[in-house]
C-alpha atoms as a PDB file:
ATOM      1  CA  UNK A   1       0.000   0.000   0.000  1.00  0.00           C
ATOM      2  CA  UNK A   2       1.326   3.436  -0.856  1.00  0.00           C
ATOM      3  CA  UNK A   3       0.299   6.659   0.813  1.00  0.00           C
ATOM      4  CA  UNK A   4       0.547  10.252  -0.276  1.00  0.00           C
ATOM      5  CA  UNK A   5       2.950  12.739   1.249  1.00  0.00           C
ATOM      6  CA  UNK A   6      -0.109  14.533   2.672  1.00  0.00           C
ATOM      7  CA  UNK A   7      -1.061  11.278   4.477  1.00  0.00           C
ATOM      8  CA  UNK A   8       2.457  11.031   5.913  1.00  0.00           C
ATOM      9  CA  UNK A   9       2.323  14.630   7.137  1.00  0.00           C
ATOM     10  CA  UNK A  10      -0.760  13.797   9.216  1.00  0.00           C
ATOM     11  CA  UNK A  11       1.406  11.605  11.484  1.00  0.00           C
ATOM     12  CA  UNK A  12       3.061  13.871  14.050  1.00  0.00           C
ATOM     13  CA  UNK A  13       6.322  12.198  15.117  1.00  0.00           C
ATOM     14  CA  UNK A  14       8.328  14.124  17.713  1.00  0.00           C
ATOM     15  CA  UNK A  15      11.478  13.755  19.792  1.00  0.00           C
ATOM     16  CA  UNK A  16      11.036  13.507  23.527  1.00  0.00           C
ATOM     17  CA  UNK A  17      13.156  12.612  26.526  1.00  0.00           C
ATOM     18  CA  UNK A  18      12.155   9.908  28.996  1.00  0.00           C
ATOM     19  CA  UNK A  19      11.782  11.509  32.425  1.00  0.00           C
ATOM     20  CA  UNK A  20      10.613   8.375  34.224  1.00  0.00           C
ATOM     21  CA  UNK A  21      10.280   4.659  33.561  1.00  0.00           C
ATOM     22  CA  UNK A  22       8.836   2.049  35.865  1.00  0.00           C
ATOM     23  CA  UNK A  23       7.663  -1.550  35.630  1.00  0.00           C
ATOM     24  CA  UNK A  24       4.055  -2.159  34.651  1.00  0.00           C
ATOM     25  CA  UNK A  25       3.370  -5.557  36.243  1.00  0.00           C
ATOM     26  CA  UNK A  26      -0.385  -5.369  35.571  1.00  0.00           C
ATOM     27  CA  UNK A  27       0.175  -5.468  31.777  1.00  0.00           C
ATOM     28  CA  UNK A  28      -0.680  -8.707  29.946  1.00  0.00           C
ATOM     29  CA  UNK A  29       2.808  -8.755  28.371  1.00  0.00           C
ATOM     30  CA  UNK A  30       5.862  -7.465  30.273  1.00  0.00           C
ATOM     31  CA  UNK A  31       5.952  -3.690  29.853  1.00  0.00           C
ATOM     32  CA  UNK A  32       7.183  -0.415  31.274  1.00  0.00           C
ATOM     33  CA  UNK A  33       5.257   2.773  31.999  1.00  0.00           C
ATOM     34  CA  UNK A  34       7.111   5.756  30.549  1.00  0.00           C
ATOM     35  CA  UNK A  35       6.687   9.476  31.062  1.00  0.00           C
ATOM     36  CA  UNK A  36       8.128  11.399  28.120  1.00  0.00           C
ATOM     37  CA  UNK A  37       8.723  15.161  27.936  1.00  0.00           C
ATOM     38  CA  UNK A  38       8.193  16.675  24.474  1.00  0.00           C
ATOM     39  CA  UNK A  39       8.740  20.284  25.532  1.00  0.00           C
ATOM     40  CA  UNK A  40       6.484  23.318  25.732  1.00  0.00           C
ATOM     41  CA  UNK A  41       4.042  22.805  22.861  1.00  0.00           C
ATOM     42  CA  UNK A  42       3.134  19.194  23.707  1.00  0.00           C
ATOM     43  CA  UNK A  43       4.343  18.811  27.292  1.00  0.00           C
ATOM     44  CA  UNK A  44       4.726  15.585  29.213  1.00  0.00           C
ATOM     45  CA  UNK A  45       2.858  12.471  28.073  1.00  0.00           C
ATOM     46  CA  UNK A  46       2.595   8.889  29.321  1.00  0.00           C
ATOM     47  CA  UNK A  47       2.821   5.606  27.468  1.00  0.00           C
ATOM     48  CA  UNK A  48       3.253   1.905  28.009  1.00  0.00           C
ATOM     49  CA  UNK A  49       5.896   0.008  26.026  1.00  0.00           C
ATOM     50  CA  UNK A  50       7.063  -3.605  25.872  1.00  0.00           C
ATOM     51  CA  UNK A  51      10.731  -2.799  26.462  1.00  0.00           C
ATOM     52  CA  UNK A  52      11.624  -5.170  29.290  1.00  0.00           C
ATOM     53  CA  UNK A  53      13.916  -7.443  27.251  1.00  0.00           C
ATOM     54  CA  UNK A  54      16.511  -4.794  26.388  1.00  0.00           C
ATOM     55  CA  UNK A  55      15.997  -1.912  28.815  1.00  0.00           C
ATOM     56  CA  UNK A  56      16.338  -1.361  32.539  1.00  0.00           C
ATOM     57  CA  UNK A  57      13.891   1.336  33.704  1.00  0.00           C
ATOM     58  CA  UNK A  58      16.567   3.395  35.486  1.00  0.00           C
ATOM     59  CA  UNK A  59      18.802   3.403  32.391  1.00  0.00           C
ATOM     60  CA  UNK A  60      15.999   4.826  30.229  1.00  0.00           C
ATOM     61  CA  UNK A  61      15.744   8.095  32.165  1.00  0.00           C
ATOM     62  CA  UNK A  62      17.244  10.909  30.100  1.00  0.00           C
ATOM     63  CA  UNK A  63      17.190   8.925  26.839  1.00  0.00           C
ATOM     64  CA  UNK A  64      15.774  10.606  23.757  1.00  0.00           C
ATOM     65  CA  UNK A  65      13.092   8.699  21.828  1.00  0.00           C
ATOM     66  CA  UNK A  66      10.758   9.352  18.910  1.00  0.00           C
ATOM     67  CA  UNK A  67       7.015   8.944  19.261  1.00  0.00           C
ATOM     68  CA  UNK A  68       3.736   9.526  17.471  1.00  0.00           C
ATOM     69  CA  UNK A  69       2.044  12.258  19.508  1.00  0.00           C
ATOM     70  CA  UNK A  70      -1.258  12.715  17.668  1.00  0.00           C
ATOM     71  CA  UNK A  71      -2.969   9.357  18.177  1.00  0.00           C
ATOM     72  CA  UNK A  72      -5.976   9.475  20.508  1.00  0.00           C
ATOM     73  CA  UNK A  73      -5.293   8.200  24.050  1.00  0.00           C
ATOM     74  CA  UNK A  74      -5.645   4.425  24.407  1.00  0.00           C
ATOM     75  CA  UNK A  75      -6.618   2.499  27.525  1.00  0.00           C
ATOM     76  CA  UNK A  76      -4.097  -0.280  28.258  1.00  0.00           C
ATOM     77  CA  UNK A  77      -5.386  -2.140  31.281  1.00  0.00           C
ATOM     78  CA  UNK A  78      -5.696   0.429  34.076  1.00  0.00           C
ATOM     79  CA  UNK A  79      -3.256   2.767  32.309  1.00  0.00           C
ATOM     80  CA  UNK A  80      -4.056   5.476  29.733  1.00  0.00           C
ATOM     81  CA  UNK A  81      -1.404   5.648  26.999  1.00  0.00           C
ATOM     82  CA  UNK A  82      -1.166   9.082  25.352  1.00  0.00           C
ATOM     83  CA  UNK A  83       1.612   8.587  22.762  1.00  0.00           C
ATOM     84  CA  UNK A  84       3.219   5.729  20.824  1.00  0.00           C
ATOM     85  CA  UNK A  85       6.972   5.421  21.355  1.00  0.00           C
ATOM     86  CA  UNK A  86       8.504   3.929  18.215  1.00  0.00           C
ATOM     87  CA  UNK A  87      10.715   0.876  17.988  1.00  0.00           C
ATOM     88  CA  UNK A  88      11.636  -1.981  15.685  1.00  0.00           C
ATOM     89  CA  UNK A  89      11.953  -5.717  16.398  1.00  0.00           C
ATOM     90  CA  UNK A  90      15.310  -7.372  16.950  1.00  0.00           C
ATOM     91  CA  UNK A  91      16.012 -10.908  15.645  1.00  0.00           C
ATOM     92  CA  UNK A  92      13.786 -12.412  18.348  1.00  0.00           C
ATOM     93  CA  UNK A  93      10.935  -9.924  17.902  1.00  0.00           C
ATOM     94  CA  UNK A  94      11.773  -7.857  20.997  1.00  0.00           C
ATOM     95  CA  UNK A  95      11.441  -4.058  20.808  1.00  0.00           C
ATOM     96  CA  UNK A  96      14.492  -1.874  20.187  1.00  0.00           C
ATOM     97  CA  UNK A  97      13.787   1.860  20.548  1.00  0.00           C
ATOM     98  CA  UNK A  98      14.246   4.313  17.719  1.00  0.00           C
ATOM     99  CA  UNK A  99      16.101   7.475  18.663  1.00  0.00           C
ATOM    100  CA  UNK A 100      18.182  10.256  17.114  1.00  0.00           C
ATOM    101  CA  UNK A 101      21.850   9.368  16.722  1.00  0.00           C
ATOM    102  CA  UNK A 102      22.772  12.859  18.008  1.00  0.00           C
ATOM    103  CA  UNK A 103      21.086  14.765  20.814  1.00  0.00           C
ATOM    104  CA  UNK A 104      18.502  17.179  19.410  1.00  0.00           C
ATOM    105  CA  UNK A 105      16.085  19.690  20.973  1.00  0.00           C
ATOM    106  CA  UNK A 106      13.018  17.976  22.441  1.00  0.00           C
ATOM    107  CA  UNK A 107       9.736  18.549  20.660  1.00  0.00           C
ATOM    108  CA  UNK A 108      11.372  18.533  17.231  1.00  0.00           C
ATOM    109  CA  UNK A 109       9.128  17.123  14.533  1.00  0.00           C
ATOM    110  CA  UNK A 110      10.393  14.403  12.217  1.00  0.00           C
ATOM    111  CA  UNK A 111      10.576  15.275   8.538  1.00  0.00           C
END
């Protein structure tokens, strides 16, 4: 399926920094609850991500990530996820986070 450039521009993908990460034991699959700061325009948002195979919660604090910030909030168990942090599967299907390879200002939009 192909999409138009206008369709692509509807997806708002921004850089944020993880300000907190903690286990989410109530999730059906092992997951972490993340709080991500996207700066002034968007602010701080929460999400749940299945990152437990490769990431220790304490080591995630301060890490830049990219996320879709214009999806509607989604209820995940007792937790309301507000953004979708992006990742790709490794060879075993476990999530590896996408992030800038240089530090950039938070809130920056992908283009």
